[in-house]
Amino acid sequence: MNLTKAIEGKEYIIRAIETDDEEMDAFLFSLGCYSGEPITVVSRRKGGCTVSIKDARYNIDSQLAEAIII
């Protein structure tokens, strides 16, 4: 299941990042988004969602959310 199907307010553990784009992978890693890290969807909006990773909140688009496997 990817992050686009996550329930708001529930904490998940990231299992994998599935992307062939090295820049996207590096960007997500710089946010602290990698395997074994907890992530929570704070809210959803039309073009993506707001997530909480390591006590920080980020707005990510649906393309990034689809690459995050929980």
C-alpha atoms as a PDB file:
ATOM      1  CA  MET A   1       0.000   0.000   0.000  1.00  0.00           C
ATOM      2  CA  ASN A   2       1.328   3.458  -0.811  1.00  0.00           C
ATOM      3  CA  LEU A   3       0.880   6.691   1.119  1.00  0.00           C
ATOM      4  CA  THR A   4      -2.028   7.878  -1.042  1.00  0.00           C
ATOM      5  CA  LYS A   5      -4.221   5.227   0.622  1.00  0.00           C
ATOM      6  CA  ALA A   6      -3.134   6.006   4.209  1.00  0.00           C
ATOM      7  CA  ILE A   7      -5.651   7.054   6.850  1.00  0.00           C
ATOM      8  CA  GLU A   8      -5.209  10.589   8.194  1.00  0.00           C
ATOM      9  CA  GLY A   9      -3.779  10.735  11.719  1.00  0.00           C
ATOM     10  CA  LYS A  10      -2.534   7.133  11.791  1.00  0.00           C
ATOM     11  CA  GLU A  11       1.195   6.474  12.094  1.00  0.00           C
ATOM     12  CA  TYR A  12       2.747   4.069   9.599  1.00  0.00           C
ATOM     13  CA  ILE A  13       6.248   2.678   9.156  1.00  0.00           C
ATOM     14  CA  ILE A  14       7.816   3.244   5.741  1.00  0.00           C
ATOM     15  CA  ARG A  15       8.624  -0.113   4.156  1.00  0.00           C
ATOM     16  CA  ALA A  16      10.233   1.113   0.941  1.00  0.00           C
ATOM     17  CA  ILE A  17      10.620   3.933  -1.534  1.00  0.00           C
ATOM     18  CA  GLU A  18       9.681   2.727  -5.025  1.00  0.00           C
ATOM     19  CA  THR A  19      11.002   5.054  -7.696  1.00  0.00           C
ATOM     20  CA  ASP A  20      13.409   4.904 -10.604  1.00  0.00           C
ATOM     21  CA  ASP A  21      14.085   8.634 -10.283  1.00  0.00           C
ATOM     22  CA  GLU A  22      17.325   9.096  -8.318  1.00  0.00           C
ATOM     23  CA  GLU A  23      16.584  12.780  -7.656  1.00  0.00           C
ATOM     24  CA  MET A  24      13.214  11.926  -6.104  1.00  0.00           C
ATOM     25  CA  ASP A  25      14.821   9.213  -3.990  1.00  0.00           C
ATOM     26  CA  ALA A  26      17.527  11.631  -2.795  1.00  0.00           C
ATOM     27  CA  PHE A  27      14.925  14.321  -2.042  1.00  0.00           C
ATOM     28  CA  LEU A  28      12.794  11.959   0.048  1.00  0.00           C
ATOM     29  CA  PHE A  29      15.917  10.757   1.869  1.00  0.00           C
ATOM     30  CA  SER A  30      16.830  14.391   2.671  1.00  0.00           C
ATOM     31  CA  LEU A  31      13.401  14.786   4.301  1.00  0.00           C
ATOM     32  CA  GLY A  32      14.103  11.751   6.499  1.00  0.00           C
ATOM     33  CA  CYS A  33      11.804   9.535   4.468  1.00  0.00           C
ATOM     34  CA  TYR A  34      13.394   6.076   4.229  1.00  0.00           C
ATOM     35  CA  SER A  35      12.726   2.457   5.248  1.00  0.00           C
ATOM     36  CA  GLY A  36      11.952   1.905   8.912  1.00  0.00           C
ATOM     37  CA  GLU A  37      11.014   5.531   9.605  1.00  0.00           C
ATOM     38  CA  PRO A  38       7.556   6.408  11.012  1.00  0.00           C
ATOM     39  CA  ILE A  39       5.328   8.684   8.916  1.00  0.00           C
ATOM     40  CA  THR A  40       1.876  10.172   9.525  1.00  0.00           C
ATOM     41  CA  VAL A  41      -0.516  11.740   7.025  1.00  0.00           C
ATOM     42  CA  VAL A  42      -1.683  14.909   8.764  1.00  0.00           C
ATOM     43  CA  SER A  43      -4.104  16.070   6.069  1.00  0.00           C
ATOM     44  CA  ARG A  44      -5.016  15.564   2.432  1.00  0.00           C
ATOM     45  CA  ARG A  45      -5.573  18.051  -0.316  1.00  0.00           C
ATOM     46  CA  LYS A  46      -6.374  17.774  -3.993  1.00  0.00           C
ATOM     47  CA  GLY A  47      -2.777  17.686  -5.291  1.00  0.00           C
ATOM     48  CA  GLY A  48      -1.162  15.680  -2.477  1.00  0.00           C
ATOM     49  CA  CYS A  49      -0.943  15.608   1.288  1.00  0.00           C
ATOM     50  CA  THR A  50       0.772  16.978   4.385  1.00  0.00           C
ATOM     51  CA  VAL A  51       2.918  14.442   6.221  1.00  0.00           C
ATOM     52  CA  SER A  52       4.750  14.414   9.520  1.00  0.00           C
ATOM     53  CA  ILE A  53       8.239  12.892   9.527  1.00  0.00           C
ATOM     54  CA  LYS A  54      10.607  13.256  12.507  1.00  0.00           C
ATOM     55  CA  ASP A  55       8.591  16.065  14.154  1.00  0.00           C
ATOM     56  CA  ALA A  56       8.518  18.111  10.925  1.00  0.00           C
ATOM     57  CA  ARG A  57       5.655  18.633   8.484  1.00  0.00           C
ATOM     58  CA  TYR A  58       6.009  18.613   4.722  1.00  0.00           C
ATOM     59  CA  ASN A  59       3.586  19.108   1.850  1.00  0.00           C
ATOM     60  CA  ILE A  60       4.209  16.457  -0.776  1.00  0.00           C
ATOM     61  CA  ASP A  61       2.512  15.964  -4.121  1.00  0.00           C
ATOM     62  CA  SER A  62       0.716  12.789  -5.159  1.00  0.00           C
ATOM     63  CA  GLN A  63       3.703  11.581  -7.216  1.00  0.00           C
ATOM     64  CA  LEU A  64       5.913  11.568  -4.094  1.00  0.00           C
ATOM     65  CA  ALA A  65       3.136  10.001  -2.003  1.00  0.00           C
ATOM     66  CA  GLU A  66       2.766   7.157  -4.516  1.00  0.00           C
ATOM     67  CA  ALA A  67       6.494   6.359  -4.231  1.00  0.00           C
ATOM     68  CA  ILE A  68       6.285   5.886  -0.429  1.00  0.00           C
ATOM     69  CA  ILE A  69       5.278   2.316   0.419  1.00  0.00           C
ATOM     70  CA  ILE A  70       3.848   1.705   3.900  1.00  0.00           C
END
